[in-house]
Amino acid sequence: MKLFPEQKAALDAEYAASLAQIPDGPGKNAGIAVGEQVAAKVLAWRASDGADAANTYRPVTTPGTYIATPLPIGSQWGSVTSWVMERGSQFRPGPPPALTSAEWAADYNEIKEIGGKKSSKRTSEQSETARFWVITGPQSYDPIVRQLAALPGRSLSQNARLFALVEIAAADSYIAVLDAKYTFNFWRPITAIRNGDMDGNDATACDAGWEPLVDTPLHPEYPCAHCINSGVARAVLESEFGTGPNPLTMTSPTAPGVVHKWTSIAEYAEEVSLARIYGGIHYRNSTVVGKTMGKKIGELAVQNYLKPVR
């Protein structure tokens, strides 16, 4: 309620319904008191973490020249105080491929061909996958966590630790990826392809009318944020469940009526990365780099934080 006071009525109702399932008594009262103390301490701890810093991004332009006016999001987020990392730049990758390289040309031409709104190369299944993963934030990985937490034999304390590890590692994944994005400020496919005659690479042809299948997010391209998020979730979940049960299933509000199934946690995470290529918003190299960063952050969280007390 401290963070989202406008949702007080809904939160009060959910809170009351949850507590109603627990018999009244000293244990219940003590639990509520401890929960409130922890919440207060976390809020005090993060009160000056930099999350409310002003957006000072300066769009590239020349005096008097019109450019699109929406500011990109998250420009200061790479400086937010991290949870498990030492700093937002701890896992900052090297730069994206040089525009004159063969790797850049391959990534450019792949996404130009398969990620365009009018692509004849993309299958209907790939289009569905792209739209499925327009979903963002915790709703793109928490349904998998909830499904695994519901497996038989799991204790309340095991699941509390599981969710905490996933969420703090995911929080750091946003800090890390936005640090990298605004460090390199790399152009999105829609910008690159409409200006393919400016990159100094003879293997990339301009298409002034090219559009991606899904809308381009309002932040720089490199590296892939969805990929680092799912990479973090994969690392934490595999540490607890191995490859995971078969199947894993999930629905998405951005693809109503569609159910996706995977045979492993790894297959789920890989689909997230491919979806960003099919959607025309991330180059393949960016997805690989994002997955690698996510793996490192997830493993850091598992190996060093919230260790079980035996």
C-alpha atoms as a PDB file:
ATOM      1  CA  MET A   1       0.000   0.000   0.000  1.00  0.00           C
ATOM      2  CA  LYS A   2       2.996   2.292   0.507  1.00  0.00           C
ATOM      3  CA  LEU A   3       4.007   1.905  -3.143  1.00  0.00           C
ATOM      4  CA  PHE A   4       0.521   1.695  -4.668  1.00  0.00           C
ATOM      5  CA  PRO A   5      -1.864   3.631  -2.408  1.00  0.00           C
ATOM      6  CA  GLU A   6      -4.398   3.965  -5.236  1.00  0.00           C
ATOM      7  CA  GLN A   7      -4.923   0.179  -5.017  1.00  0.00           C
ATOM      8  CA  LYS A   8      -5.718   0.244  -1.293  1.00  0.00           C
ATOM      9  CA  ALA A   9      -9.293  -1.069  -1.629  1.00  0.00           C
ATOM     10  CA  ALA A  10      -8.284  -4.067  -3.724  1.00  0.00           C
ATOM     11  CA  LEU A  11      -5.248  -4.818  -1.549  1.00  0.00           C
ATOM     12  CA  ASP A  12      -7.317  -4.594   1.642  1.00  0.00           C
ATOM     13  CA  ALA A  13      -9.837  -7.065   0.235  1.00  0.00           C
ATOM     14  CA  GLU A  14      -7.175  -9.579  -0.840  1.00  0.00           C
ATOM     15  CA  TYR A  15      -5.363  -9.197   2.475  1.00  0.00           C
ATOM     16  CA  ALA A  16      -8.518  -9.808   4.500  1.00  0.00           C
ATOM     17  CA  ALA A  17      -9.437 -12.852   2.402  1.00  0.00           C
ATOM     18  CA  SER A  18      -5.966 -14.332   2.876  1.00  0.00           C
ATOM     19  CA  LEU A  19      -5.898 -13.781   6.651  1.00  0.00           C
ATOM     20  CA  ALA A  20      -9.404 -15.211   7.022  1.00  0.00           C
ATOM     21  CA  GLN A  21      -8.017 -18.652   6.156  1.00  0.00           C
ATOM     22  CA  ILE A  22      -5.772 -18.609   9.245  1.00  0.00           C
ATOM     23  CA  PRO A  23      -7.267 -19.221  12.729  1.00  0.00           C
ATOM     24  CA  ASP A  24      -6.993 -16.312  15.129  1.00  0.00           C
ATOM     25  CA  GLY A  25      -4.400 -16.638  17.855  1.00  0.00           C
ATOM     26  CA  PRO A  26      -0.974 -15.515  19.053  1.00  0.00           C
ATOM     27  CA  GLY A  27       0.819 -17.190  16.120  1.00  0.00           C
ATOM     28  CA  LYS A  28      -1.264 -15.264  13.602  1.00  0.00           C
ATOM     29  CA  ASN A  29      -0.755 -11.980  15.454  1.00  0.00           C
ATOM     30  CA  ALA A  30       3.000 -12.538  15.744  1.00  0.00           C
ATOM     31  CA  GLY A  31       3.246 -13.385  12.048  1.00  0.00           C
ATOM     32  CA  ILE A  32       1.443 -10.210  11.041  1.00  0.00           C
ATOM     33  CA  ALA A  33       3.741  -8.156  13.285  1.00  0.00           C
ATOM     34  CA  VAL A  34       6.889  -9.694  11.809  1.00  0.00           C
ATOM     35  CA  GLY A  35       5.594  -9.153   8.262  1.00  0.00           C
ATOM     36  CA  GLU A  36       4.885  -5.508   8.934  1.00  0.00           C
ATOM     37  CA  GLN A  37       8.352  -5.033  10.477  1.00  0.00           C
ATOM     38  CA  VAL A  38      10.046  -6.595   7.461  1.00  0.00           C
ATOM     39  CA  ALA A  39       8.022  -4.446   5.057  1.00  0.00           C
ATOM     40  CA  ALA A  40       8.938  -1.291   6.968  1.00  0.00           C
ATOM     41  CA  LYS A  41      12.625  -2.189   6.949  1.00  0.00           C
ATOM     42  CA  VAL A  42      12.671  -2.949   3.213  1.00  0.00           C
ATOM     43  CA  LEU A  43      10.899   0.312   2.421  1.00  0.00           C
ATOM     44  CA  ALA A  44      13.375   2.246   4.574  1.00  0.00           C
ATOM     45  CA  TRP A  45      16.307   0.366   3.012  1.00  0.00           C
ATOM     46  CA  ARG A  46      15.207   1.212  -0.535  1.00  0.00           C
ATOM     47  CA  ALA A  47      13.960   4.748   0.143  1.00  0.00           C
ATOM     48  CA  SER A  48      17.035   6.310  -1.485  1.00  0.00           C
ATOM     49  CA  ASP A  49      17.878   3.629  -4.064  1.00  0.00           C
ATOM     50  CA  GLY A  50      17.638   6.025  -7.022  1.00  0.00           C
ATOM     51  CA  ALA A  51      14.449   4.566  -8.482  1.00  0.00           C
ATOM     52  CA  ASP A  52      12.830   8.004  -8.589  1.00  0.00           C
ATOM     53  CA  ALA A  53      15.707   9.756 -10.386  1.00  0.00           C
ATOM     54  CA  ALA A  54      14.688  12.125 -13.178  1.00  0.00           C
ATOM     55  CA  ASN A  55      14.757  10.996 -16.806  1.00  0.00           C
ATOM     56  CA  THR A  56      17.569  13.112 -18.251  1.00  0.00           C
ATOM     57  CA  TYR A  57      18.004  11.301 -21.575  1.00  0.00           C
ATOM     58  CA  ARG A  58      18.972  13.744 -24.348  1.00  0.00           C
ATOM     59  CA  PRO A  59      17.618  12.723 -27.773  1.00  0.00           C
ATOM     60  CA  VAL A  60      20.093  12.958 -30.641  1.00  0.00           C
ATOM     61  CA  THR A  61      19.229  15.841 -32.938  1.00  0.00           C
ATOM     62  CA  THR A  62      20.526  19.032 -34.486  1.00  0.00           C
ATOM     63  CA  PRO A  63      19.278  22.508 -33.584  1.00  0.00           C
ATOM     64  CA  GLY A  64      15.877  23.192 -35.077  1.00  0.00           C
ATOM     65  CA  THR A  65      15.340  19.653 -36.423  1.00  0.00           C
ATOM     66  CA  TYR A  66      12.148  17.794 -35.470  1.00  0.00           C
ATOM     67  CA  ILE A  67      12.438  14.310 -33.984  1.00  0.00           C
ATOM     68  CA  ALA A  68       9.811  12.111 -32.330  1.00  0.00           C
ATOM     69  CA  THR A  69       9.110  13.493 -28.859  1.00  0.00           C
ATOM     70  CA  PRO A  70       8.369  10.501 -26.555  1.00  0.00           C
ATOM     71  CA  LEU A  71      11.259  10.043 -24.116  1.00  0.00           C
ATOM     72  CA  PRO A  72      12.636   6.509 -23.803  1.00  0.00           C
ATOM     73  CA  ILE A  73      11.961   4.746 -20.517  1.00  0.00           C
ATOM     74  CA  GLY A  74      14.409   3.587 -17.866  1.00  0.00           C
ATOM     75  CA  SER A  75      17.264   5.881 -18.848  1.00  0.00           C
ATOM     76  CA  GLN A  76      18.389   6.273 -15.220  1.00  0.00           C
ATOM     77  CA  TRP A  77      17.514   2.764 -14.036  1.00  0.00           C
ATOM     78  CA  GLY A  78      21.015   1.381 -14.525  1.00  0.00           C
ATOM     79  CA  SER A  79      22.087   3.536 -11.560  1.00  0.00           C
ATOM     80  CA  VAL A  80      19.447   2.168  -9.172  1.00  0.00           C
ATOM     81  CA  THR A  81      20.931   0.462  -6.104  1.00  0.00           C
ATOM     82  CA  SER A  82      21.167  -3.227  -6.948  1.00  0.00           C
ATOM     83  CA  TRP A  83      20.029  -6.146  -4.792  1.00  0.00           C
ATOM     84  CA  VAL A  84      22.578  -8.914  -5.398  1.00  0.00           C
ATOM     85  CA  MET A  85      25.009  -7.282  -7.830  1.00  0.00           C
ATOM     86  CA  GLU A  86      27.705  -4.913  -6.621  1.00  0.00           C
ATOM     87  CA  ARG A  87      26.558  -2.301  -9.148  1.00  0.00           C
ATOM     88  CA  GLY A  88      24.489  -2.039 -12.322  1.00  0.00           C
ATOM     89  CA  SER A  89      27.545  -2.345 -14.561  1.00  0.00           C
ATOM     90  CA  GLN A  90      28.887  -5.519 -12.927  1.00  0.00           C
ATOM     91  CA  PHE A  91      27.871  -7.722 -15.862  1.00  0.00           C
ATOM     92  CA  ARG A  92      27.940  -5.060 -18.559  1.00  0.00           C
ATOM     93  CA  PRO A  93      28.788  -6.816 -21.839  1.00  0.00           C
ATOM     94  CA  GLY A  94      31.093  -5.712 -24.598  1.00  0.00           C
ATOM     95  CA  PRO A  95      29.653  -3.568 -27.388  1.00  0.00           C
ATOM     96  CA  PRO A  96      27.271  -4.836 -30.080  1.00  0.00           C
ATOM     97  CA  PRO A  97      28.781  -6.025 -33.385  1.00  0.00           C
ATOM     98  CA  ALA A  98      30.492  -3.403 -35.519  1.00  0.00           C
ATOM     99  CA  LEU A  99      28.232  -2.149 -38.292  1.00  0.00           C
ATOM    100  CA  THR A 100      30.826  -3.152 -40.865  1.00  0.00           C
ATOM    101  CA  SER A 101      31.000  -6.759 -39.625  1.00  0.00           C
ATOM    102  CA  ALA A 102      29.575  -9.912 -41.172  1.00  0.00           C
ATOM    103  CA  GLU A 103      27.787 -10.648 -37.865  1.00  0.00           C
ATOM    104  CA  TRP A 104      25.928  -7.339 -38.054  1.00  0.00           C
ATOM    105  CA  ALA A 105      24.898  -7.996 -41.649  1.00  0.00           C
ATOM    106  CA  ALA A 106      23.638 -11.484 -40.743  1.00  0.00           C
ATOM    107  CA  ASP A 107      21.588 -10.202 -37.798  1.00  0.00           C
ATOM    108  CA  TYR A 108      20.264  -7.269 -39.837  1.00  0.00           C
ATOM    109  CA  ASN A 109      19.147  -9.397 -42.764  1.00  0.00           C
ATOM    110  CA  GLU A 110      17.637 -12.103 -40.563  1.00  0.00           C
ATOM    111  CA  ILE A 111      15.377  -9.714 -38.696  1.00  0.00           C
ATOM    112  CA  LYS A 112      14.596  -7.723 -41.834  1.00  0.00           C
ATOM    113  CA  GLU A 113      13.346 -10.930 -43.462  1.00  0.00           C
ATOM    114  CA  ILE A 114      11.562 -12.686 -40.590  1.00  0.00           C
ATOM    115  CA  GLY A 115      10.632  -9.827 -38.235  1.00  0.00           C
ATOM    116  CA  GLY A 116       8.823  -7.491 -40.607  1.00  0.00           C
ATOM    117  CA  LYS A 117       5.100  -6.867 -40.346  1.00  0.00           C
ATOM    118  CA  LYS A 118       4.639  -8.068 -43.940  1.00  0.00           C
ATOM    119  CA  SER A 119       7.146 -10.938 -43.794  1.00  0.00           C
ATOM    120  CA  SER A 120       6.396 -13.907 -46.052  1.00  0.00           C
ATOM    121  CA  LYS A 121       9.116 -16.001 -44.368  1.00  0.00           C
ATOM    122  CA  ARG A 122       7.679 -16.046 -40.843  1.00  0.00           C
ATOM    123  CA  THR A 123       5.302 -18.918 -40.067  1.00  0.00           C
ATOM    124  CA  SER A 124       1.949 -18.446 -38.368  1.00  0.00           C
ATOM    125  CA  GLU A 125       3.330 -20.245 -35.322  1.00  0.00           C
ATOM    126  CA  GLN A 126       6.242 -17.822 -35.152  1.00  0.00           C
ATOM    127  CA  SER A 127       3.862 -14.870 -35.442  1.00  0.00           C
ATOM    128  CA  GLU A 128       1.794 -16.266 -32.582  1.00  0.00           C
ATOM    129  CA  THR A 129       4.943 -16.692 -30.480  1.00  0.00           C
ATOM    130  CA  ALA A 130       5.965 -13.090 -31.127  1.00  0.00           C
ATOM    131  CA  ARG A 131       2.562 -11.799 -30.004  1.00  0.00           C
ATOM    132  CA  PHE A 132       2.486 -14.151 -27.007  1.00  0.00           C
ATOM    133  CA  TRP A 133       5.680 -12.552 -25.660  1.00  0.00           C
ATOM    134  CA  VAL A 134       4.578  -8.955 -26.019  1.00  0.00           C
ATOM    135  CA  ILE A 135       3.712  -9.584 -22.363  1.00  0.00           C
ATOM    136  CA  THR A 136       6.225  -7.803 -20.096  1.00  0.00           C
ATOM    137  CA  GLY A 137       7.491  -7.716 -16.524  1.00  0.00           C
ATOM    138  CA  PRO A 138       6.760 -10.251 -13.779  1.00  0.00           C
ATOM    139  CA  GLN A 139       3.737 -11.610 -15.629  1.00  0.00           C
ATOM    140  CA  SER A 140       6.192 -13.002 -18.190  1.00  0.00           C
ATOM    141  CA  TYR A 141       7.954 -15.270 -15.669  1.00  0.00           C
ATOM    142  CA  ASP A 142       5.940 -15.421 -12.413  1.00  0.00           C
ATOM    143  CA  PRO A 143       3.310 -17.824 -13.844  1.00  0.00           C
ATOM    144  CA  ILE A 144       6.122 -20.359 -14.351  1.00  0.00           C
ATOM    145  CA  VAL A 145       7.374 -19.784 -10.798  1.00  0.00           C
ATOM    146  CA  ARG A 146       3.858 -20.266  -9.409  1.00  0.00           C
ATOM    147  CA  GLN A 147       3.419 -23.478 -11.376  1.00  0.00           C
ATOM    148  CA  LEU A 148       6.662 -24.920 -10.014  1.00  0.00           C
ATOM    149  CA  ALA A 149       5.943 -23.725  -6.472  1.00  0.00           C
ATOM    150  CA  ALA A 150       2.692 -25.726  -6.565  1.00  0.00           C
ATOM    151  CA  LEU A 151       4.493 -29.042  -7.132  1.00  0.00           C
ATOM    152  CA  PRO A 152       3.796 -31.672  -4.415  1.00  0.00           C
ATOM    153  CA  GLY A 153       6.037 -31.683  -1.376  1.00  0.00           C
ATOM    154  CA  ARG A 154       7.006 -28.012  -1.424  1.00  0.00           C
ATOM    155  CA  SER A 155       7.000 -26.208   1.946  1.00  0.00           C
ATOM    156  CA  LEU A 156       5.920 -22.629   2.585  1.00  0.00           C
ATOM    157  CA  SER A 157       9.468 -21.610   3.532  1.00  0.00           C
ATOM    158  CA  GLN A 158      10.910 -23.209   0.375  1.00  0.00           C
ATOM    159  CA  ASN A 159       8.481 -21.285  -1.774  1.00  0.00           C
ATOM    160  CA  ALA A 160       9.021 -18.012   0.090  1.00  0.00           C
ATOM    161  CA  ARG A 161      12.750 -18.350  -0.596  1.00  0.00           C
ATOM    162  CA  LEU A 162      12.104 -19.347  -4.226  1.00  0.00           C
ATOM    163  CA  PHE A 163       9.984 -16.296  -4.960  1.00  0.00           C
ATOM    164  CA  ALA A 164      12.401 -13.980  -3.153  1.00  0.00           C
ATOM    165  CA  LEU A 165      15.372 -15.257  -5.166  1.00  0.00           C
ATOM    166  CA  VAL A 166      13.549 -14.971  -8.486  1.00  0.00           C
ATOM    167  CA  GLU A 167      12.242 -11.481  -7.758  1.00  0.00           C
ATOM    168  CA  ILE A 168      15.448  -9.923  -6.440  1.00  0.00           C
ATOM    169  CA  ALA A 169      17.481 -11.469  -9.269  1.00  0.00           C
ATOM    170  CA  ALA A 170      14.906 -10.244 -11.791  1.00  0.00           C
ATOM    171  CA  ALA A 171      15.009  -6.775 -10.225  1.00  0.00           C
ATOM    172  CA  ASP A 172      18.765  -6.729 -10.757  1.00  0.00           C
ATOM    173  CA  SER A 173      18.329  -7.961 -14.322  1.00  0.00           C
ATOM    174  CA  TYR A 174      16.416  -4.761 -15.125  1.00  0.00           C
ATOM    175  CA  ILE A 175      19.160  -2.642 -13.562  1.00  0.00           C
ATOM    176  CA  ALA A 176      21.872  -4.502 -15.493  1.00  0.00           C
ATOM    177  CA  VAL A 177      20.111  -4.461 -18.850  1.00  0.00           C
ATOM    178  CA  LEU A 178      19.192  -0.786 -18.683  1.00  0.00           C
ATOM    179  CA  ASP A 179      22.737   0.080 -17.659  1.00  0.00           C
ATOM    180  CA  ALA A 180      23.930  -1.660 -20.813  1.00  0.00           C
ATOM    181  CA  LYS A 181      21.183  -0.314 -23.071  1.00  0.00           C
ATOM    182  CA  TYR A 182      21.938   3.311 -22.307  1.00  0.00           C
ATOM    183  CA  THR A 183      25.698   2.744 -22.329  1.00  0.00           C
ATOM    184  CA  PHE A 184      25.620   1.561 -25.951  1.00  0.00           C
ATOM    185  CA  ASN A 185      22.424   3.336 -27.109  1.00  0.00           C
ATOM    186  CA  PHE A 186      22.187   0.915 -30.048  1.00  0.00           C
ATOM    187  CA  TRP A 187      19.555   1.395 -32.723  1.00  0.00           C
ATOM    188  CA  ARG A 188      16.461  -0.735 -33.040  1.00  0.00           C
ATOM    189  CA  PRO A 189      15.737  -2.704 -36.240  1.00  0.00           C
ATOM    190  CA  ILE A 190      13.128  -0.200 -37.449  1.00  0.00           C
ATOM    191  CA  THR A 191      15.755   2.565 -37.309  1.00  0.00           C
ATOM    192  CA  ALA A 192      18.570   0.461 -38.729  1.00  0.00           C
ATOM    193  CA  ILE A 193      16.602  -1.018 -41.615  1.00  0.00           C
ATOM    194  CA  ARG A 194      15.111   2.314 -42.673  1.00  0.00           C
ATOM    195  CA  ASN A 195      18.667   3.678 -42.703  1.00  0.00           C
ATOM    196  CA  GLY A 196      20.474   0.647 -44.060  1.00  0.00           C
ATOM    197  CA  ASP A 197      22.321   2.809 -46.541  1.00  0.00           C
ATOM    198  CA  MET A 198      24.062   4.677 -43.700  1.00  0.00           C
ATOM    199  CA  ASP A 199      25.817   1.849 -41.835  1.00  0.00           C
ATOM    200  CA  GLY A 200      28.792   1.458 -44.195  1.00  0.00           C
ATOM    201  CA  ASN A 201      27.995  -2.203 -44.855  1.00  0.00           C
ATOM    202  CA  ASP A 202      27.329  -3.215 -48.478  1.00  0.00           C
ATOM    203  CA  ALA A 203      25.473  -6.345 -47.276  1.00  0.00           C
ATOM    204  CA  THR A 204      22.640  -4.349 -45.641  1.00  0.00           C
ATOM    205  CA  ALA A 205      20.067  -2.863 -47.987  1.00  0.00           C
ATOM    206  CA  CYS A 206      17.783  -0.027 -46.904  1.00  0.00           C
ATOM    207  CA  ASP A 207      14.006  -0.519 -46.767  1.00  0.00           C
ATOM    208  CA  ALA A 208      12.433   2.861 -46.002  1.00  0.00           C
ATOM    209  CA  GLY A 209       8.973   1.373 -45.362  1.00  0.00           C
ATOM    210  CA  TRP A 210       9.941  -1.554 -43.118  1.00  0.00           C
ATOM    211  CA  GLU A 211       7.984  -2.065 -39.872  1.00  0.00           C
ATOM    212  CA  PRO A 212       8.318  -4.744 -37.167  1.00  0.00           C
ATOM    213  CA  LEU A 213       5.533  -7.211 -36.422  1.00  0.00           C
ATOM    214  CA  VAL A 214       5.153  -5.916 -32.846  1.00  0.00           C
ATOM    215  CA  ASP A 215       5.581  -2.362 -31.593  1.00  0.00           C
ATOM    216  CA  THR A 216       9.132  -1.376 -30.697  1.00  0.00           C
ATOM    217  CA  PRO A 217       9.672  -0.726 -26.945  1.00  0.00           C
ATOM    218  CA  LEU A 218      10.761   2.743 -25.859  1.00  0.00           C
ATOM    219  CA  HIS A 219      14.370   2.022 -24.962  1.00  0.00           C
ATOM    220  CA  PRO A 220      17.576   1.152 -26.851  1.00  0.00           C
ATOM    221  CA  GLU A 221      18.010  -2.279 -28.424  1.00  0.00           C
ATOM    222  CA  TYR A 222      21.158  -3.855 -26.949  1.00  0.00           C
ATOM    223  CA  PRO A 223      20.919  -6.158 -25.089  1.00  0.00           C
ATOM    224  CA  CYS A 224      17.526  -7.904 -24.971  1.00  0.00           C
ATOM    225  CA  ALA A 225      15.602  -7.230 -21.728  1.00  0.00           C
ATOM    226  CA  HIS A 226      13.107 -10.093 -22.103  1.00  0.00           C
ATOM    227  CA  CYS A 227      16.082 -12.406 -22.598  1.00  0.00           C
ATOM    228  CA  ILE A 228      17.888 -11.312 -19.447  1.00  0.00           C
ATOM    229  CA  ASN A 229      14.648 -11.622 -17.427  1.00  0.00           C
ATOM    230  CA  SER A 230      13.929 -15.151 -18.634  1.00  0.00           C
ATOM    231  CA  GLY A 231      17.626 -16.029 -18.273  1.00  0.00           C
ATOM    232  CA  VAL A 232      17.526 -15.004 -14.617  1.00  0.00           C
ATOM    233  CA  ALA A 233      14.339 -16.979 -14.003  1.00  0.00           C
ATOM    234  CA  ARG A 234      15.815 -20.011 -15.749  1.00  0.00           C
ATOM    235  CA  ALA A 235      19.018 -19.944 -13.670  1.00  0.00           C
ATOM    236  CA  VAL A 236      17.167 -19.684 -10.355  1.00  0.00           C
ATOM    237  CA  LEU A 237      14.516 -22.248 -11.261  1.00  0.00           C
ATOM    238  CA  GLU A 238      16.965 -24.813 -12.635  1.00  0.00           C
ATOM    239  CA  SER A 239      18.975 -24.571  -9.407  1.00  0.00           C
ATOM    240  CA  GLU A 240      15.844 -25.695  -7.577  1.00  0.00           C
ATOM    241  CA  PHE A 241      14.081 -27.984 -10.056  1.00  0.00           C
ATOM    242  CA  GLY A 242      16.691 -29.164 -12.571  1.00  0.00           C
ATOM    243  CA  THR A 243      15.148 -29.266 -16.029  1.00  0.00           C
ATOM    244  CA  GLY A 244      11.682 -28.917 -14.483  1.00  0.00           C
ATOM    245  CA  PRO A 245       8.470 -30.922 -14.997  1.00  0.00           C
ATOM    246  CA  ASN A 246       7.118 -31.795 -18.430  1.00  0.00           C
ATOM    247  CA  PRO A 247       5.059 -29.979 -19.518  1.00  0.00           C
ATOM    248  CA  LEU A 248       5.255 -26.409 -18.300  1.00  0.00           C
ATOM    249  CA  THR A 249       2.315 -24.332 -19.496  1.00  0.00           C
ATOM    250  CA  MET A 250       1.411 -20.668 -19.643  1.00  0.00           C
ATOM    251  CA  THR A 251      -1.102 -18.279 -21.153  1.00  0.00           C
ATOM    252  CA  SER A 252      -0.597 -14.643 -22.146  1.00  0.00           C
ATOM    253  CA  PRO A 253      -2.932 -11.641 -22.118  1.00  0.00           C
ATOM    254  CA  THR A 254      -1.314 -10.506 -25.366  1.00  0.00           C
ATOM    255  CA  ALA A 255      -2.358 -13.730 -27.139  1.00  0.00           C
ATOM    256  CA  PRO A 256      -5.856 -14.479 -25.779  1.00  0.00           C
ATOM    257  CA  GLY A 257      -6.936 -18.112 -25.884  1.00  0.00           C
ATOM    258  CA  VAL A 258      -3.441 -19.426 -26.656  1.00  0.00           C
ATOM    259  CA  VAL A 259      -1.700 -21.933 -24.349  1.00  0.00           C
ATOM    260  CA  HIS A 260       2.014 -22.545 -24.783  1.00  0.00           C
ATOM    261  CA  LYS A 261       3.693 -25.709 -23.501  1.00  0.00           C
ATOM    262  CA  TRP A 262       7.364 -26.536 -22.971  1.00  0.00           C
ATOM    263  CA  THR A 263       9.217 -29.716 -22.067  1.00  0.00           C
ATOM    264  CA  SER A 264      11.735 -27.903 -19.845  1.00  0.00           C
ATOM    265  CA  ILE A 265      12.571 -24.614 -18.174  1.00  0.00           C
ATOM    266  CA  ALA A 266      15.283 -24.096 -20.792  1.00  0.00           C
ATOM    267  CA  GLU A 267      12.793 -24.490 -23.646  1.00  0.00           C
ATOM    268  CA  TYR A 268      10.549 -21.848 -22.083  1.00  0.00           C
ATOM    269  CA  ALA A 269      13.436 -19.368 -21.808  1.00  0.00           C
ATOM    270  CA  GLU A 270      14.608 -20.049 -25.348  1.00  0.00           C
ATOM    271  CA  GLU A 271      11.167 -19.319 -26.767  1.00  0.00           C
ATOM    272  CA  VAL A 272      11.202 -15.897 -25.111  1.00  0.00           C
ATOM    273  CA  SER A 273      14.403 -15.027 -26.975  1.00  0.00           C
ATOM    274  CA  LEU A 274      13.189 -16.291 -30.342  1.00  0.00           C
ATOM    275  CA  ALA A 275       9.975 -14.302 -29.951  1.00  0.00           C
ATOM    276  CA  ARG A 276      11.909 -11.035 -29.910  1.00  0.00           C
ATOM    277  CA  ILE A 277      13.487 -11.923 -33.265  1.00  0.00           C
ATOM    278  CA  TYR A 278      10.163 -13.021 -34.775  1.00  0.00           C
ATOM    279  CA  GLY A 279       8.625  -9.768 -33.554  1.00  0.00           C
ATOM    280  CA  GLY A 280      11.243  -7.651 -35.304  1.00  0.00           C
ATOM    281  CA  ILE A 281      12.580  -5.858 -32.240  1.00  0.00           C
ATOM    282  CA  HIS A 282      15.847  -7.628 -31.296  1.00  0.00           C
ATOM    283  CA  TYR A 283      18.820  -8.930 -33.253  1.00  0.00           C
ATOM    284  CA  ARG A 284      19.980 -12.478 -32.567  1.00  0.00           C
ATOM    285  CA  ASN A 285      23.282 -11.404 -30.996  1.00  0.00           C
ATOM    286  CA  SER A 286      21.378  -9.234 -28.533  1.00  0.00           C
ATOM    287  CA  THR A 287      19.284 -12.206 -27.396  1.00  0.00           C
ATOM    288  CA  VAL A 288      22.412 -14.311 -26.819  1.00  0.00           C
ATOM    289  CA  VAL A 289      24.065 -11.559 -24.788  1.00  0.00           C
ATOM    290  CA  GLY A 290      20.893 -10.997 -22.740  1.00  0.00           C
ATOM    291  CA  LYS A 291      20.561 -14.704 -21.900  1.00  0.00           C
ATOM    292  CA  THR A 292      24.199 -14.837 -20.801  1.00  0.00           C
ATOM    293  CA  MET A 293      23.792 -11.831 -18.520  1.00  0.00           C
ATOM    294  CA  GLY A 294      20.647 -13.315 -16.994  1.00  0.00           C
ATOM    295  CA  LYS A 295      22.405 -16.601 -16.275  1.00  0.00           C
ATOM    296  CA  LYS A 296      25.227 -14.825 -14.451  1.00  0.00           C
ATOM    297  CA  ILE A 297      22.865 -12.751 -12.297  1.00  0.00           C
ATOM    298  CA  GLY A 298      20.639 -15.723 -11.455  1.00  0.00           C
ATOM    299  CA  GLU A 299      23.608 -17.869 -10.473  1.00  0.00           C
ATOM    300  CA  LEU A 300      25.027 -15.031  -8.366  1.00  0.00           C
ATOM    301  CA  ALA A 301      21.758 -14.792  -6.443  1.00  0.00           C
ATOM    302  CA  VAL A 302      21.512 -18.556  -5.855  1.00  0.00           C
ATOM    303  CA  GLN A 303      25.120 -19.001  -4.813  1.00  0.00           C
ATOM    304  CA  ASN A 304      25.409 -16.054  -2.432  1.00  0.00           C
ATOM    305  CA  TYR A 305      22.006 -14.997  -1.105  1.00  0.00           C
ATOM    306  CA  LEU A 306      19.180 -16.435   1.018  1.00  0.00           C
ATOM    307  CA  LYS A 307      21.193 -19.574   1.709  1.00  0.00           C
ATOM    308  CA  PRO A 308      19.144 -22.153   3.649  1.00  0.00           C
ATOM    309  CA  VAL A 309      19.911 -22.326   7.361  1.00  0.00           C
ATOM    310  CA  ARG A 310      20.273 -25.951   8.421  1.00  0.00           C
END
